[in-house]
Amino acid sequence: MAGTKLIFVVDDDPFITTLVEKRFTPEGYRVAAFDYGEECIKALSQKPDLIILDYLFHKGGSKVMNGMEVLGVIRERMPGLPVIMLSGQDKGEVVFELARKGIDDYVIKDNNLIENLGKAIKEVLSR
C-alpha cells in the first residue's frame, strides 16, 4: 500500500505544496513539504521514496539553489531516489536538460497539474 511511501514536495509556492498534501495524503502517502531545496537536502536522512521538486525558486533578496542544483545534490547523495520535476517551463531545451540530469518525470504547472502529477507518482513508484 502507498501508506509506507514518503513523498517530499519542494516548492516555494504554498498553494502547490498544500494542494499536493491535500490530494495525496488521503491516498495513503506521507507528504512532507519544503519551501526550498536546502531544507529538502537537510531532510534526506528521512529517506523519502520520491521527491517532487520545483524547477525555479524565488526568495526575496536571498540566493537559493534552483531545482537543477538541488537535483545535483540529491543525485550525489541518493543516486537511485526518484525525482519528479515541476515547472512552469515547457521549453524543450529545459526538459531535455532535466532528462539528461536524470529526472524520472517532468510535470508542467498547468490546469492539469494534480491529475498529471498523480499519474507520474504512480508510474515512478511502480518502477
C-alpha atoms as a PDB file:
ATOM      1  CA  MET A   1       0.000   0.000   0.000  1.00  0.00           C
ATOM      2  CA  ALA A   2       1.024   3.598  -0.607  1.00  0.00           C
ATOM      3  CA  GLY A   3       0.951   4.347   3.144  1.00  0.00           C
ATOM      4  CA  THR A   4       4.568   3.495   3.644  1.00  0.00           C
ATOM      5  CA  LYS A   5       5.677   5.832   0.860  1.00  0.00           C
ATOM      6  CA  LEU A   6       7.150   9.158   1.932  1.00  0.00           C
ATOM      7  CA  ILE A   7       6.958  11.911  -0.663  1.00  0.00           C
ATOM      8  CA  PHE A   8       8.882  15.181  -0.334  1.00  0.00           C
ATOM      9  CA  VAL A   9       7.318  18.103  -2.187  1.00  0.00           C
ATOM     10  CA  VAL A  10       9.669  21.060  -2.628  1.00  0.00           C
ATOM     11  CA  ASP A  11       8.100  24.255  -3.932  1.00  0.00           C
ATOM     12  CA  ASP A  12       8.223  27.886  -2.802  1.00  0.00           C
ATOM     13  CA  ASP A  13       4.534  28.264  -3.694  1.00  0.00           C
ATOM     14  CA  PRO A  14       2.467  27.278  -0.625  1.00  0.00           C
ATOM     15  CA  PHE A  15      -0.551  26.753  -2.897  1.00  0.00           C
ATOM     16  CA  ILE A  16       1.278  23.913  -4.705  1.00  0.00           C
ATOM     17  CA  THR A  17       2.604  22.215  -1.550  1.00  0.00           C
ATOM     18  CA  THR A  18      -0.821  22.420   0.136  1.00  0.00           C
ATOM     19  CA  LEU A  19      -2.513  21.081  -2.987  1.00  0.00           C
ATOM     20  CA  VAL A  20      -0.123  18.110  -3.155  1.00  0.00           C
ATOM     21  CA  GLU A  21      -0.539  17.383   0.578  1.00  0.00           C
ATOM     22  CA  LYS A  22      -4.350  17.583   0.450  1.00  0.00           C
ATOM     23  CA  ARG A  23      -4.566  15.474  -2.703  1.00  0.00           C
ATOM     24  CA  PHE A  24      -2.123  12.653  -1.940  1.00  0.00           C
ATOM     25  CA  THR A  25      -2.313  12.244   1.858  1.00  0.00           C
ATOM     26  CA  PRO A  26      -5.840  10.716   1.619  1.00  0.00           C
ATOM     27  CA  GLU A  27      -4.396   8.175  -0.854  1.00  0.00           C
ATOM     28  CA  GLY A  28      -2.158   6.936   1.951  1.00  0.00           C
ATOM     29  CA  TYR A  29       1.076   8.743   1.097  1.00  0.00           C
ATOM     30  CA  ARG A  30       3.021  10.589   3.754  1.00  0.00           C
ATOM     31  CA  VAL A  31       3.804  14.031   2.356  1.00  0.00           C
ATOM     32  CA  ALA A  32       6.476  16.340   3.755  1.00  0.00           C
ATOM     33  CA  ALA A  33       6.536  19.862   2.299  1.00  0.00           C
ATOM     34  CA  PHE A  34       9.583  22.108   1.969  1.00  0.00           C
ATOM     35  CA  ASP A  35       9.747  25.689   0.672  1.00  0.00           C
ATOM     36  CA  TYR A  36      13.316  25.428  -0.628  1.00  0.00           C
ATOM     37  CA  GLY A  37      15.755  22.791  -1.810  1.00  0.00           C
ATOM     38  CA  GLU A  38      18.172  23.434   1.031  1.00  0.00           C
ATOM     39  CA  GLU A  39      15.508  22.290   3.525  1.00  0.00           C
ATOM     40  CA  CYS A  40      14.841  19.158   1.475  1.00  0.00           C
ATOM     41  CA  ILE A  41      18.554  18.309   1.332  1.00  0.00           C
ATOM     42  CA  LYS A  42      18.838  18.629   5.133  1.00  0.00           C
ATOM     43  CA  ALA A  43      15.926  16.177   5.497  1.00  0.00           C
ATOM     44  CA  LEU A  44      17.249  13.486   3.119  1.00  0.00           C
ATOM     45  CA  SER A  45      18.107  11.346   6.161  1.00  0.00           C
ATOM     46  CA  GLN A  46      14.345  10.667   6.405  1.00  0.00           C
ATOM     47  CA  LYS A  47      14.837   8.551   3.253  1.00  0.00           C
ATOM     48  CA  PRO A  48      11.948   9.723   1.069  1.00  0.00           C
ATOM     49  CA  ASP A  49      10.629   7.334  -1.588  1.00  0.00           C
ATOM     50  CA  LEU A  50      10.098  10.159  -4.067  1.00  0.00           C
ATOM     51  CA  ILE A  51      10.844  13.870  -4.379  1.00  0.00           C
ATOM     52  CA  ILE A  52       8.613  16.290  -6.267  1.00  0.00           C
ATOM     53  CA  LEU A  53      10.912  19.226  -6.963  1.00  0.00           C
ATOM     54  CA  ASP A  54      10.185  22.675  -8.373  1.00  0.00           C
ATOM     55  CA  TYR A  55      12.485  23.925 -11.129  1.00  0.00           C
ATOM     56  CA  LEU A  56      12.723  27.559 -10.047  1.00  0.00           C
ATOM     57  CA  PHE A  57      12.810  29.082  -6.557  1.00  0.00           C
ATOM     58  CA  HIS A  58      12.472  32.736  -5.526  1.00  0.00           C
ATOM     59  CA  LYS A  59      13.318  34.022  -2.071  1.00  0.00           C
ATOM     60  CA  GLY A  60      13.110  37.785  -1.708  1.00  0.00           C
ATOM     61  CA  GLY A  61      16.651  39.115  -1.641  1.00  0.00           C
ATOM     62  CA  SER A  62      18.311  35.796  -0.792  1.00  0.00           C
ATOM     63  CA  LYS A  63      20.113  33.407  -3.103  1.00  0.00           C
ATOM     64  CA  VAL A  64      18.655  29.906  -3.038  1.00  0.00           C
ATOM     65  CA  MET A  65      19.534  26.823  -5.050  1.00  0.00           C
ATOM     66  CA  ASN A  66      17.471  26.198  -8.165  1.00  0.00           C
ATOM     67  CA  GLY A  67      15.915  22.821  -8.965  1.00  0.00           C
ATOM     68  CA  MET A  68      18.867  21.742 -11.131  1.00  0.00           C
ATOM     69  CA  GLU A  69      21.341  22.424  -8.310  1.00  0.00           C
ATOM     70  CA  VAL A  70      19.153  20.623  -5.766  1.00  0.00           C
ATOM     71  CA  LEU A  71      18.792  17.687  -8.166  1.00  0.00           C
ATOM     72  CA  GLY A  72      22.590  17.519  -8.447  1.00  0.00           C
ATOM     73  CA  VAL A  73      22.966  17.200  -4.661  1.00  0.00           C
ATOM     74  CA  ILE A  74      20.168  14.610  -4.465  1.00  0.00           C
ATOM     75  CA  ARG A  75      21.819  12.547  -7.234  1.00  0.00           C
ATOM     76  CA  GLU A  76      25.156  12.745  -5.394  1.00  0.00           C
ATOM     77  CA  ARG A  77      23.773  11.635  -2.035  1.00  0.00           C
ATOM     78  CA  MET A  78      20.959   9.268  -3.084  1.00  0.00           C
ATOM     79  CA  PRO A  79      21.564   8.268  -6.720  1.00  0.00           C
ATOM     80  CA  GLY A  80      18.558   5.952  -7.033  1.00  0.00           C
ATOM     81  CA  LEU A  81      15.988   8.271  -5.472  1.00  0.00           C
ATOM     82  CA  PRO A  82      13.194   9.102  -7.948  1.00  0.00           C
ATOM     83  CA  VAL A  83      12.644  12.792  -8.687  1.00  0.00           C
ATOM     84  CA  ILE A  84       9.694  14.356 -10.500  1.00  0.00           C
ATOM     85  CA  MET A  85      10.410  17.919 -11.592  1.00  0.00           C
ATOM     86  CA  LEU A  86       7.652  20.548 -11.576  1.00  0.00           C
ATOM     87  CA  SER A  87       7.863  23.656 -13.674  1.00  0.00           C
ATOM     88  CA  GLY A  88       6.000  26.358 -15.478  1.00  0.00           C
ATOM     89  CA  GLN A  89       8.620  25.883 -18.205  1.00  0.00           C
ATOM     90  CA  ASP A  90       7.543  23.945 -21.253  1.00  0.00           C
ATOM     91  CA  LYS A  91      10.621  24.743 -23.321  1.00  0.00           C
ATOM     92  CA  GLY A  92      12.058  21.666 -24.988  1.00  0.00           C
ATOM     93  CA  GLU A  93      15.662  22.511 -24.091  1.00  0.00           C
ATOM     94  CA  VAL A  94      14.813  22.758 -20.382  1.00  0.00           C
ATOM     95  CA  VAL A  95      13.015  19.410 -20.423  1.00  0.00           C
ATOM     96  CA  PHE A  96      15.904  17.851 -22.385  1.00  0.00           C
ATOM     97  CA  GLU A  97      18.498  19.178 -19.914  1.00  0.00           C
ATOM     98  CA  LEU A  98      16.481  17.822 -16.979  1.00  0.00           C
ATOM     99  CA  ALA A  99      16.163  14.438 -18.664  1.00  0.00           C
ATOM    100  CA  ARG A 100      19.930  14.430 -19.196  1.00  0.00           C
ATOM    101  CA  LYS A 101      20.376  15.119 -15.480  1.00  0.00           C
ATOM    102  CA  GLY A 102      18.314  12.043 -14.700  1.00  0.00           C
ATOM    103  CA  ILE A 103      14.890  13.180 -13.576  1.00  0.00           C
ATOM    104  CA  ASP A 104      12.295  10.433 -13.572  1.00  0.00           C
ATOM    105  CA  ASP A 105       9.447  12.547 -14.867  1.00  0.00           C
ATOM    106  CA  TYR A 106       8.514  16.132 -15.654  1.00  0.00           C
ATOM    107  CA  VAL A 107       5.151  17.744 -14.888  1.00  0.00           C
ATOM    108  CA  ILE A 108       4.191  21.192 -16.153  1.00  0.00           C
ATOM    109  CA  LYS A 109       2.382  23.510 -13.744  1.00  0.00           C
ATOM    110  CA  ASP A 110      -0.870  23.977 -15.611  1.00  0.00           C
ATOM    111  CA  ASN A 111      -4.571  23.268 -15.038  1.00  0.00           C
ATOM    112  CA  ASN A 112      -3.891  19.510 -15.179  1.00  0.00           C
ATOM    113  CA  LEU A 113      -1.043  19.634 -12.643  1.00  0.00           C
ATOM    114  CA  ILE A 114      -2.592  17.417  -9.939  1.00  0.00           C
ATOM    115  CA  GLU A 115      -4.009  14.893 -12.398  1.00  0.00           C
ATOM    116  CA  ASN A 116      -0.688  14.619 -14.274  1.00  0.00           C
ATOM    117  CA  LEU A 117       1.266  14.507 -11.028  1.00  0.00           C
ATOM    118  CA  GLY A 118      -0.937  11.649  -9.785  1.00  0.00           C
ATOM    119  CA  LYS A 119      -0.168   9.641 -12.925  1.00  0.00           C
ATOM    120  CA  ALA A 120       3.550  10.419 -12.651  1.00  0.00           C
ATOM    121  CA  ILE A 121       3.706   9.418  -8.971  1.00  0.00           C
ATOM    122  CA  LYS A 122       2.001   6.069  -9.618  1.00  0.00           C
ATOM    123  CA  GLU A 123       4.214   5.361 -12.630  1.00  0.00           C
ATOM    124  CA  VAL A 124       7.501   6.342 -10.970  1.00  0.00           C
ATOM    125  CA  LEU A 125       6.766   4.460  -7.726  1.00  0.00           C
ATOM    126  CA  SER A 126       5.742   1.324  -9.597  1.00  0.00           C
ATOM    127  CA  ARG A 127       9.148   1.016 -11.346  1.00  0.00           C
END
